């Protein structure tokens, strides 16, 4: 199967996620307000931003791994059963590592 279109999509998503992570890191390192009530709200926001950052970093790892599998020629093969991952599934979840049956 030809995965060129999915590779381009993965590369674009990777660039987007990397930019998002850089923005999140910038937000987390900003100065807090001098007002204690505002600081409390900012710290709560920091927890949310940190969680989003962790999720973004995980997405980056998954996308990078998918790109590595494309390069290695193992992309589209279920890591659990060794069968092909359906084209439709890869179009919806291009970083998928398991076929629909194994993912359930």
PDB file of N, CA and C in Angstrom:
ATOM      1  N   UNK A   1       0.829  -1.186   0.000  1.00  0.00           N
ATOM      2  CA  UNK A   1       0.000   0.000   0.000  1.00  0.00           C
ATOM      3  C   UNK A   1       0.872   1.247   0.000  1.00  0.00           C
ATOM      4  N   UNK A   2       0.356   2.299  -0.595  1.00  0.00           N
ATOM      5  CA  UNK A   2       1.089   3.564  -0.664  1.00  0.00           C
ATOM      6  C   UNK A   2       0.590   4.490   0.452  1.00  0.00           C
ATOM      7  N   UNK A   3       1.467   4.873   1.309  1.00  0.00           N
ATOM      8  CA  UNK A   3       1.104   5.689   2.464  1.00  0.00           C
ATOM      9  C   UNK A   3       1.597   7.127   2.352  1.00  0.00           C
ATOM     10  N   UNK A   4       1.902   7.590   1.141  1.00  0.00           N
ATOM     11  CA  UNK A   4       2.451   8.931   0.970  1.00  0.00           C
ATOM     12  C   UNK A   4       1.527  10.018   1.518  1.00  0.00           C
ATOM     13  N   UNK A   5       0.238   9.919   1.224  1.00  0.00           N
ATOM     14  CA  UNK A   5      -0.706  10.938   1.694  1.00  0.00           C
ATOM     15  C   UNK A   5      -0.799  10.928   3.218  1.00  0.00           C
ATOM     16  N   UNK A   6      -0.818   9.743   3.811  1.00  0.00           N
ATOM     17  CA  UNK A   6      -0.865   9.663   5.273  1.00  0.00           C
ATOM     18  C   UNK A   6       0.432  10.174   5.894  1.00  0.00           C
ATOM     19  N   UNK A   7       1.545   9.938   5.221  1.00  0.00           N
ATOM     20  CA  UNK A   7       2.828  10.437   5.725  1.00  0.00           C
ATOM     21  C   UNK A   7       2.822  11.965   5.754  1.00  0.00           C
ATOM     22  N   UNK A   8       2.325  12.577   4.696  1.00  0.00           N
ATOM     23  CA  UNK A   8       2.242  14.044   4.653  1.00  0.00           C
ATOM     24  C   UNK A   8       1.336  14.553   5.774  1.00  0.00           C
ATOM     25  N   UNK A   9       0.197  13.890   5.956  1.00  0.00           N
ATOM     26  CA  UNK A   9      -0.725  14.292   7.026  1.00  0.00           C
ATOM     27  C   UNK A   9      -0.068  14.157   8.393  1.00  0.00           C
ATOM     28  N   UNK A  10       0.639  13.061   8.616  1.00  0.00           N
ATOM     29  CA  UNK A  10       1.331  12.861   9.888  1.00  0.00           C
ATOM     30  C   UNK A  10       2.407  13.921  10.107  1.00  0.00           C
ATOM     31  N   UNK A  11       3.153  14.245   9.067  1.00  0.00           N
ATOM     32  CA  UNK A  11       4.190  15.275   9.192  1.00  0.00           C
ATOM     33  C   UNK A  11       3.581  16.633   9.523  1.00  0.00           C
ATOM     34  N   UNK A  12       2.434  16.953   8.914  1.00  0.00           N
ATOM     35  CA  UNK A  12       1.755  18.216   9.208  1.00  0.00           C
ATOM     36  C   UNK A  12       1.236  18.231  10.644  1.00  0.00           C
ATOM     37  N   UNK A  13       0.653  17.114  11.065  1.00  0.00           N
ATOM     38  CA  UNK A  13       0.162  17.032  12.447  1.00  0.00           C
ATOM     39  C   UNK A  13       1.300  17.136  13.441  1.00  0.00           C
ATOM     40  N   UNK A  14       2.439  16.523  13.112  1.00  0.00           N
ATOM     41  CA  UNK A  14       3.604  16.590  13.992  1.00  0.00           C
ATOM     42  C   UNK A  14       4.069  18.034  14.153  1.00  0.00           C
ATOM     43  N   UNK A  15       4.156  18.758  13.053  1.00  0.00           N
ATOM     44  CA  UNK A  15       4.579  20.164  13.115  1.00  0.00           C
ATOM     45  C   UNK A  15       3.595  20.988  13.936  1.00  0.00           C
ATOM     46  N   UNK A  16       2.304  20.741  13.758  1.00  0.00           N
ATOM     47  CA  UNK A  16       1.276  21.456  14.527  1.00  0.00           C
ATOM     48  C   UNK A  16       1.409  21.163  16.019  1.00  0.00           C
ATOM     49  N   UNK A  17       1.590  19.892  16.345  1.00  0.00           N
ATOM     50  CA  UNK A  17       1.707  19.495  17.755  1.00  0.00           C
ATOM     51  C   UNK A  17       2.970  20.066  18.387  1.00  0.00           C
ATOM     52  N   UNK A  18       4.063  20.080  17.634  1.00  0.00           N
ATOM     53  CA  UNK A  18       5.307  20.642  18.169  1.00  0.00           C
ATOM     54  C   UNK A  18       5.157  22.137  18.441  1.00  0.00           C
ATOM     55  N   UNK A  19       4.463  22.840  17.544  1.00  0.00           N
ATOM     56  CA  UNK A  19       4.224  24.270  17.759  1.00  0.00           C
ATOM     57  C   UNK A  19       3.326  24.482  18.968  1.00  0.00           C
ATOM     58  N   UNK A  20       2.312  23.630  19.110  1.00  0.00           N
ATOM     59  CA  UNK A  20       1.409  23.731  20.261  1.00  0.00           C
ATOM     60  C   UNK A  20       2.164  23.501  21.560  1.00  0.00           C
ATOM     61  N   UNK A  21       3.042  22.488  21.574  1.00  0.00           N
ATOM     62  CA  UNK A  21       3.812  22.200  22.777  1.00  0.00           C
ATOM     63  C   UNK A  21       4.739  23.359  23.132  1.00  0.00           C
ATOM     64  N   UNK A  22       5.348  23.976  22.145  1.00  0.00           N
ATOM     65  CA  UNK A  22       6.206  25.137  22.401  1.00  0.00           C
ATOM     66  C   UNK A  22       5.401  26.276  23.006  1.00  0.00           C
ATOM     67  N   UNK A  23       4.193  26.485  22.510  1.00  0.00           N
ATOM     68  CA  UNK A  23       3.316  27.526  23.048  1.00  0.00           C
ATOM     69  C   UNK A  23       2.913  27.214  24.486  1.00  0.00           C
ATOM     70  N   UNK A  24       2.625  25.952  24.746  1.00  0.00           N
ATOM     71  CA  UNK A  24       2.243  25.538  26.104  1.00  0.00           C
ATOM     72  C   UNK A  24       3.401  25.761  27.062  1.00  0.00           C
ATOM     73  N   UNK A  25       4.599  25.387  26.644  1.00  0.00           N
ATOM     74  CA  UNK A  25       5.777  25.589  27.501  1.00  0.00           C
ATOM     75  C   UNK A  25       5.984  27.063  27.795  1.00  0.00           C
ATOM     76  N   UNK A  26       5.728  27.899  26.811  1.00  0.00           N
ATOM     77  CA  UNK A  26       5.860  29.344  27.000  1.00  0.00           C
ATOM     78  C   UNK A  26       4.830  29.832  28.023  1.00  0.00           C
ATOM     79  N   UNK A  27       3.596  29.346  27.925  1.00  0.00           N
ATOM     80  CA  UNK A  27       2.546  29.746  28.866  1.00  0.00           C
ATOM     81  C   UNK A  27       2.859  29.311  30.289  1.00  0.00           C
ATOM     82  N   UNK A  28       3.414  28.118  30.444  1.00  0.00           N
ATOM     83  CA  UNK A  28       3.694  27.587  31.776  1.00  0.00           C
ATOM     84  C   UNK A  28       4.804  28.368  32.470  1.00  0.00           C
ATOM     85  N   UNK A  29       5.724  28.924  31.717  1.00  0.00           N
ATOM     86  CA  UNK A  29       6.869  29.615  32.318  1.00  0.00           C
ATOM     87  C   UNK A  29       6.647  31.112  32.512  1.00  0.00           C
ATOM     88  N   UNK A  30       5.457  31.596  32.189  1.00  0.00           N
ATOM     89  CA  UNK A  30       5.203  33.031  32.348  1.00  0.00           C
ATOM     90  C   UNK A  30       5.096  33.414  33.831  1.00  0.00           C
ATOM     91  N   UNK A  31       5.262  34.683  34.093  1.00  0.00           N
ATOM     92  CA  UNK A  31       5.165  35.206  35.454  1.00  0.00           C
ATOM     93  C   UNK A  31       3.719  35.183  35.936  1.00  0.00           C
ATOM     94  N   UNK A  32       3.543  34.976  37.234  1.00  0.00           N
ATOM     95  CA  UNK A  32       2.208  35.023  37.832  1.00  0.00           C
ATOM     96  C   UNK A  32       1.907  36.417  38.363  1.00  0.00           C
ATOM     97  N   UNK A  33       0.642  36.684  38.507  1.00  0.00           N
ATOM     98  CA  UNK A  33       0.166  37.963  39.010  1.00  0.00           C
ATOM     99  C   UNK A  33       0.605  38.170  40.464  1.00  0.00           C
ATOM    100  N   UNK A  34       0.646  39.410  40.892  1.00  0.00           N
ATOM    101  CA  UNK A  34       0.976  39.729  42.278  1.00  0.00           C
ATOM    102  C   UNK A  34      -0.216  39.547  43.206  1.00  0.00           C
ATOM    103  N   UNK A  35      -1.411  39.546  42.664  1.00  0.00           N
ATOM    104  CA  UNK A  35      -2.639  39.393  43.442  1.00  0.00           C
ATOM    105  C   UNK A  35      -2.840  37.920  43.803  1.00  0.00           C
ATOM    106  N   UNK A  36      -3.060  37.643  45.102  1.00  0.00           N
ATOM    107  CA  UNK A  36      -3.155  36.246  45.546  1.00  0.00           C
ATOM    108  C   UNK A  36      -4.373  35.524  44.970  1.00  0.00           C
ATOM    109  N   UNK A  37      -5.505  36.221  44.806  1.00  0.00           N
ATOM    110  CA  UNK A  37      -6.689  35.583  44.224  1.00  0.00           C
ATOM    111  C   UNK A  37      -6.435  35.225  42.766  1.00  0.00           C
ATOM    112  N   UNK A  38      -5.793  36.120  42.052  1.00  0.00           N
ATOM    113  CA  UNK A  38      -5.461  35.841  40.657  1.00  0.00           C
ATOM    114  C   UNK A  38      -4.424  34.718  40.555  1.00  0.00           C
ATOM    115  N   UNK A  39      -3.489  34.694  41.494  1.00  0.00           N
ATOM    116  CA  UNK A  39      -2.484  33.635  41.494  1.00  0.00           C
ATOM    117  C   UNK A  39      -3.128  32.267  41.659  1.00  0.00           C
ATOM    118  N   UNK A  40      -4.133  32.182  42.524  1.00  0.00           N
ATOM    119  CA  UNK A  40      -4.818  30.900  42.720  1.00  0.00           C
ATOM    120  C   UNK A  40      -5.453  30.429  41.414  1.00  0.00           C
ATOM    121  N   UNK A  41      -6.110  31.337  40.708  1.00  0.00           N
ATOM    122  CA  UNK A  41      -6.728  30.989  39.425  1.00  0.00           C
ATOM    123  C   UNK A  41      -5.663  30.617  38.396  1.00  0.00           C
ATOM    124  N   UNK A  42      -4.577  31.364  38.376  1.00  0.00           N
ATOM    125  CA  UNK A  42      -3.507  31.076  37.437  1.00  0.00           C
ATOM    126  C   UNK A  42      -2.895  29.704  37.686  1.00  0.00           C
ATOM    127  N   UNK A  43      -2.767  29.338  38.949  1.00  0.00           N
ATOM    128  CA  UNK A  43      -2.189  28.022  39.283  1.00  0.00           C
ATOM    129  C   UNK A  43      -3.124  26.895  38.862  1.00  0.00           C
ATOM    130  N   UNK A  44      -4.429  27.103  39.011  1.00  0.00           N
ATOM    131  CA  UNK A  44      -5.390  26.115  38.511  1.00  0.00           C
ATOM    132  C   UNK A  44      -5.277  25.989  36.997  1.00  0.00           C
ATOM    133  N   UNK A  45      -5.160  27.127  36.340  1.00  0.00           N
ATOM    134  CA  UNK A  45      -4.992  27.117  34.882  1.00  0.00           C
ATOM    135  C   UNK A  45      -3.704  26.407  34.481  1.00  0.00           C
ATOM    136  N   UNK A  46      -2.653  26.601  35.280  1.00  0.00           N
ATOM    137  CA  UNK A  46      -1.380  25.941  35.002  1.00  0.00           C
ATOM    138  C   UNK A  46      -1.522  24.419  35.014  1.00  0.00           C
ATOM    139  N   UNK A  47      -2.350  23.898  35.926  1.00  0.00           N
ATOM    140  CA  UNK A  47      -2.569  22.456  36.002  1.00  0.00           C
ATOM    141  C   UNK A  47      -3.240  21.955  34.722  1.00  0.00           C
ATOM    142  N   UNK A  48      -4.198  22.713  34.227  1.00  0.00           N
ATOM    143  CA  UNK A  48      -4.882  22.341  32.991  1.00  0.00           C
ATOM    144  C   UNK A  48      -3.907  22.408  31.817  1.00  0.00           C
ATOM    145  N   UNK A  49      -3.139  23.469  31.756  1.00  0.00           N
ATOM    146  CA  UNK A  49      -2.162  23.635  30.674  1.00  0.00           C
ATOM    147  C   UNK A  49      -1.124  22.518  30.729  1.00  0.00           C
ATOM    148  N   UNK A  50      -0.716  22.139  31.932  1.00  0.00           N
ATOM    149  CA  UNK A  50       0.252  21.061  32.091  1.00  0.00           C
ATOM    150  C   UNK A  50      -0.329  19.746  31.576  1.00  0.00           C
ATOM    151  N   UNK A  51      -1.581  19.470  31.876  1.00  0.00           N
ATOM    152  CA  UNK A  51      -2.231  18.246  31.391  1.00  0.00           C
ATOM    153  C   UNK A  51      -2.324  18.253  29.865  1.00  0.00           C
ATOM    154  N   UNK A  52      -2.658  19.400  29.303  1.00  0.00           N
ATOM    155  CA  UNK A  52      -2.721  19.522  27.844  1.00  0.00           C
ATOM    156  C   UNK A  52      -1.325  19.314  27.246  1.00  0.00           C
ATOM    157  N   UNK A  53      -0.320  19.839  27.910  1.00  0.00           N
ATOM    158  CA  UNK A  53       1.060  19.653  27.452  1.00  0.00           C
ATOM    159  C   UNK A  53       1.458  18.186  27.458  1.00  0.00           C
ATOM    160  N   UNK A  54       1.089  17.465  28.505  1.00  0.00           N
ATOM    161  CA  UNK A  54       1.401  16.037  28.575  1.00  0.00           C
ATOM    162  C   UNK A  54       0.696  15.265  27.463  1.00  0.00           C
ATOM    163  N   UNK A  55      -0.550  15.603  27.224  1.00  0.00           N
ATOM    164  CA  UNK A  55      -1.316  14.950  26.157  1.00  0.00           C
ATOM    165  C   UNK A  55      -0.705  15.260  24.784  1.00  0.00           C
ATOM    166  N   UNK A  56      -0.288  16.488  24.599  1.00  0.00           N
ATOM    167  CA  UNK A  56       0.338  16.887  23.338  1.00  0.00           C
ATOM    168  C   UNK A  56       1.658  16.147  23.131  1.00  0.00           C
ATOM    169  N   UNK A  57       2.437  16.032  24.191  1.00  0.00           N
ATOM    170  CA  UNK A  57       3.716  15.307  24.100  1.00  0.00           C
ATOM    171  C   UNK A  57       3.478  13.839  23.737  1.00  0.00           C
ATOM    172  N   UNK A  58       2.432  13.237  24.301  1.00  0.00           N
ATOM    173  CA  UNK A  58       2.097  11.848  23.968  1.00  0.00           C
ATOM    174  C   UNK A  58       1.708  11.734  22.499  1.00  0.00           C
ATOM    175  N   UNK A  59       0.944  12.691  22.004  1.00  0.00           N
ATOM    176  CA  UNK A  59       0.559  12.684  20.590  1.00  0.00           C
ATOM    177  C   UNK A  59       1.782  12.807  19.693  1.00  0.00           C
ATOM    178  N   UNK A  60       2.718  13.643  20.083  1.00  0.00           N
ATOM    179  CA  UNK A  60       3.958  13.812  19.315  1.00  0.00           C
ATOM    180  C   UNK A  60       4.706  12.485  19.244  1.00  0.00           C
ATOM    181  N   UNK A  61       4.800  11.782  20.367  1.00  0.00           N
ATOM    182  CA  UNK A  61       5.492  10.488  20.376  1.00  0.00           C
ATOM    183  C   UNK A  61       4.781   9.478  19.467  1.00  0.00           C
ATOM    184  N   UNK A  62       3.453   9.454  19.510  1.00  0.00           N
ATOM    185  CA  UNK A  62       2.687   8.504  18.686  1.00  0.00           C
ATOM    186  C   UNK A  62       2.861   8.800  17.197  1.00  0.00           C
ATOM    187  N   UNK A  63       2.830  10.071  16.846  1.00  0.00           N
ATOM    188  CA  UNK A  63       2.989  10.462  15.441  1.00  0.00           C
ATOM    189  C   UNK A  63       4.408  10.161  14.965  1.00  0.00           C
ATOM    190  N   UNK A  64       5.391  10.491  15.788  1.00  0.00           N
ATOM    191  CA  UNK A  64       6.790  10.204  15.423  1.00  0.00           C
ATOM    192  C   UNK A  64       7.003   8.702  15.244  1.00  0.00           C
ATOM    193  N   UNK A  65       6.386   7.901  16.100  1.00  0.00           N
ATOM    194  CA  UNK A  65       6.504   6.445  15.979  1.00  0.00           C
ATOM    195  C   UNK A  65       5.863   5.954  14.683  1.00  0.00           C
ATOM    196  N   UNK A  66       4.725   6.541  14.316  1.00  0.00           N
ATOM    197  CA  UNK A  66       4.060   6.164  13.058  1.00  0.00           C
ATOM    198  C   UNK A  66       4.957   6.508  11.867  1.00  0.00           C
ATOM    199  N   UNK A  67       5.588   7.670  11.906  1.00  0.00           N
ATOM    200  CA  UNK A  67       6.501   8.053  10.824  1.00  0.00           C
ATOM    201  C   UNK A  67       7.702   7.109  10.749  1.00  0.00           C
ATOM    202  N   UNK A  68       8.175   6.663  11.905  1.00  0.00           N
ATOM    203  CA  UNK A  68       9.279   5.694  11.926  1.00  0.00           C
ATOM    204  C   UNK A  68       8.838   4.361  11.322  1.00  0.00           C
ATOM    205  N   UNK A  69       7.594   3.947  11.610  1.00  0.00           N
ATOM    206  CA  UNK A  69       7.087   2.695  11.038  1.00  0.00           C
ATOM    207  C   UNK A  69       6.946   2.803   9.520  1.00  0.00           C
ATOM    208  N   UNK A  70       6.556   3.977   9.042  1.00  0.00           N
ATOM    209  CA  UNK A  70       6.483   4.174   7.589  1.00  0.00           C
ATOM    210  C   UNK A  70       7.869   3.998   6.984  1.00  0.00           C
ATOM    211  N   UNK A  71       8.864   4.635   7.588  1.00  0.00           N
ATOM    212  CA  UNK A  71      10.241   4.527   7.083  1.00  0.00           C
ATOM    213  C   UNK A  71      10.761   3.091   7.139  1.00  0.00           C
ATOM    214  N   UNK A  72      10.364   2.369   8.189  1.00  0.00           N
ATOM    215  CA  UNK A  72      10.850   1.001   8.370  1.00  0.00           C
ATOM    216  C   UNK A  72      10.072  -0.015   7.539  1.00  0.00           C
ATOM    217  N   UNK A  73       8.948   0.424   6.971  1.00  0.00           N
ATOM    218  CA  UNK A  73       8.135  -0.496   6.177  1.00  0.00           C
ATOM    219  C   UNK A  73       7.203  -1.364   6.994  1.00  0.00           C
ATOM    220  N   UNK A  74       7.010  -1.008   8.260  1.00  0.00           N
ATOM    221  CA  UNK A  74       6.125  -1.787   9.127  1.00  0.00           C
ATOM    222  C   UNK A  74       4.815  -1.061   9.426  1.00  0.00           C
ATOM    223  N   UNK A  75       4.616   0.064   8.804  1.00  0.00           N
ATOM    224  CA  UNK A  75       3.399   0.844   9.026  1.00  0.00           C
ATOM    225  C   UNK A  75       2.196   0.083   8.476  1.00  0.00           C
ATOM    226  N   UNK A  76       1.092   0.134   9.213  1.00  0.00           N
ATOM    227  CA  UNK A  76      -0.132  -0.505   8.755  1.00  0.00           C
ATOM    228  C   UNK A  76      -0.241  -1.960   9.154  1.00  0.00           C
ATOM    229  N   UNK A  77       0.701  -2.438   9.964  1.00  0.00           N
ATOM    230  CA  UNK A  77       0.669  -3.813  10.453  1.00  0.00           C
ATOM    231  C   UNK A  77       0.350  -3.769  11.948  1.00  0.00           C
ATOM    232  N   UNK A  78      -0.672  -4.515  12.341  1.00  0.00           N
ATOM    233  CA  UNK A  78      -1.097  -4.540  13.739  1.00  0.00           C
ATOM    234  C   UNK A  78       0.019  -5.091  14.621  1.00  0.00           C
ATOM    235  N   UNK A  79       0.336  -4.366  15.693  1.00  0.00           N
ATOM    236  CA  UNK A  79       1.399  -4.816  16.591  1.00  0.00           C
ATOM    237  C   UNK A  79       0.958  -5.994  17.454  1.00  0.00           C
ATOM    238  N   UNK A  80      -0.343  -6.244  17.531  1.00  0.00           N
ATOM    239  CA  UNK A  80      -0.826  -7.358  18.342  1.00  0.00           C
ATOM    240  C   UNK A  80      -0.942  -8.662  17.562  1.00  0.00           C
ATOM    241  N   UNK A  81      -1.618  -8.608  16.407  1.00  0.00           N
ATOM    242  CA  UNK A  81      -1.898  -9.849  15.675  1.00  0.00           C
ATOM    243  C   UNK A  81      -1.094  -9.991  14.387  1.00  0.00           C
ATOM    244  N   UNK A  82      -0.457  -8.926  13.926  1.00  0.00           N
ATOM    245  CA  UNK A  82       0.351  -8.985  12.717  1.00  0.00           C
ATOM    246  C   UNK A  82      -0.431  -8.836  11.420  1.00  0.00           C
ATOM    247  N   UNK A  83      -1.745  -8.680  11.529  1.00  0.00           N
ATOM    248  CA  UNK A  83      -2.570  -8.483  10.340  1.00  0.00           C
ATOM    249  C   UNK A  83      -2.504  -7.018   9.899  1.00  0.00           C
ATOM    250  N   UNK A  84      -2.963  -6.757   8.685  1.00  0.00           N
ATOM    251  CA  UNK A  84      -3.008  -5.384   8.189  1.00  0.00           C
ATOM    252  C   UNK A  84      -4.039  -4.570   8.966  1.00  0.00           C
ATOM    253  N   UNK A  85      -3.672  -3.330   9.253  1.00  0.00           N
ATOM    254  CA  UNK A  85      -4.628  -2.378   9.815  1.00  0.00           C
ATOM    255  C   UNK A  85      -5.380  -1.810   8.619  1.00  0.00           C
ATOM    256  N   UNK A  86      -6.678  -1.815   8.676  1.00  0.00           N
ATOM    257  CA  UNK A  86      -7.469  -1.364   7.541  1.00  0.00           C
ATOM    258  C   UNK A  86      -7.163   0.061   7.125  1.00  0.00           C
ATOM    259  N   UNK A  87      -7.221   0.314   5.824  1.00  0.00           N
ATOM    260  CA  UNK A  87      -6.962   1.647   5.271  1.00  0.00           C
ATOM    261  C   UNK A  87      -7.909   2.678   5.882  1.00  0.00           C
ATOM    262  N   UNK A  88      -9.177   2.307   6.059  1.00  0.00           N
ATOM    263  CA  UNK A  88     -10.154   3.246   6.628  1.00  0.00           C
ATOM    264  C   UNK A  88      -9.751   3.645   8.042  1.00  0.00           C
ATOM    265  N   UNK A  89      -9.279   2.686   8.834  1.00  0.00           N
ATOM    266  CA  UNK A  89      -8.846   3.000  10.203  1.00  0.00           C
ATOM    267  C   UNK A  89      -7.637   3.927  10.181  1.00  0.00           C
ATOM    268  N   UNK A  90      -6.695   3.658   9.299  1.00  0.00           N
ATOM    269  CA  UNK A  90      -5.503   4.504   9.227  1.00  0.00           C
ATOM    270  C   UNK A  90      -5.836   5.918   8.763  1.00  0.00           C
ATOM    271  N   UNK A  91      -6.855   6.060   7.949  1.00  0.00           N
ATOM    272  CA  UNK A  91      -7.244   7.404   7.515  1.00  0.00           C
ATOM    273  C   UNK A  91      -7.874   8.177   8.664  1.00  0.00           C
ATOM    274  N   UNK A  92      -8.565   7.474   9.559  1.00  0.00           N
ATOM    275  CA  UNK A  92      -9.182   8.133  10.712  1.00  0.00           C
ATOM    276  C   UNK A  92      -8.169   8.336  11.833  1.00  0.00           C
ATOM    277  N   UNK A  93      -7.357   7.312  12.091  1.00  0.00           N
ATOM    278  CA  UNK A  93      -6.344   7.355  13.155  1.00  0.00           C
ATOM    279  C   UNK A  93      -5.008   6.932  12.540  1.00  0.00           C
ATOM    280  N   UNK A  94      -4.328   7.859  11.855  1.00  0.00           N
ATOM    281  CA  UNK A  94      -3.109   7.478  11.133  1.00  0.00           C
ATOM    282  C   UNK A  94      -1.973   6.971  12.016  1.00  0.00           C
ATOM    283  N   UNK A  95      -2.012   7.248  13.304  1.00  0.00           N
ATOM    284  CA  UNK A  95      -0.964   6.755  14.189  1.00  0.00           C
ATOM    285  C   UNK A  95      -1.338   5.428  14.850  1.00  0.00           C
ATOM    286  N   UNK A  96      -2.446   4.818  14.406  1.00  0.00           N
ATOM    287  CA  UNK A  96      -2.915   3.554  14.980  1.00  0.00           C
ATOM    288  C   UNK A  96      -1.844   2.477  14.897  1.00  0.00           C
ATOM    289  N   UNK A  97      -1.737   1.696  15.973  1.00  0.00           N
ATOM    290  CA  UNK A  97      -0.773   0.601  16.010  1.00  0.00           C
ATOM    291  C   UNK A  97      -1.467  -0.754  16.019  1.00  0.00           C
ATOM    292  N   UNK A  98      -2.794  -0.743  16.142  1.00  0.00           N
ATOM    293  CA  UNK A  98      -3.556  -1.987  16.197  1.00  0.00           C
ATOM    294  C   UNK A  98      -4.734  -1.937  15.244  1.00  0.00           C
ATOM    295  N   UNK A  99      -5.110  -3.105  14.744  1.00  0.00           N
ATOM    296  CA  UNK A  99      -6.302  -3.191  13.904  1.00  0.00           C
ATOM    297  C   UNK A  99      -7.542  -2.984  14.777  1.00  0.00           C
ATOM    298  N   UNK A 100      -8.686  -2.834  14.148  1.00  0.00           N
ATOM    299  CA  UNK A 100      -9.922  -2.573  14.888  1.00  0.00           C
ATOM    300  C   UNK A 100     -10.197  -3.685  15.886  1.00  0.00           C
ATOM    301  N   UNK A 101     -10.033  -4.929  15.486  1.00  0.00           N
ATOM    302  CA  UNK A 101     -10.329  -6.049  16.399  1.00  0.00           C
ATOM    303  C   UNK A 101      -9.433  -6.047  17.626  1.00  0.00           C
ATOM    304  N   UNK A 102      -8.160  -5.807  17.457  1.00  0.00           N
ATOM    305  CA  UNK A 102      -7.236  -5.805  18.586  1.00  0.00           C
ATOM    306  C   UNK A 102      -7.357  -4.549  19.451  1.00  0.00           C
ATOM    307  N   UNK A 103      -7.841  -3.473  18.866  1.00  0.00           N
ATOM    308  CA  UNK A 103      -7.973  -2.218  19.611  1.00  0.00           C
ATOM    309  C   UNK A 103      -9.155  -2.246  20.570  1.00  0.00           C
ATOM    310  N   UNK A 104     -10.069  -3.177  20.359  1.00  0.00           N
ATOM    311  CA  UNK A 104     -11.268  -3.228  21.212  1.00  0.00           C
ATOM    312  C   UNK A 104     -11.023  -3.889  22.516  1.00  0.00           C
TER     313      UNK A 104
END
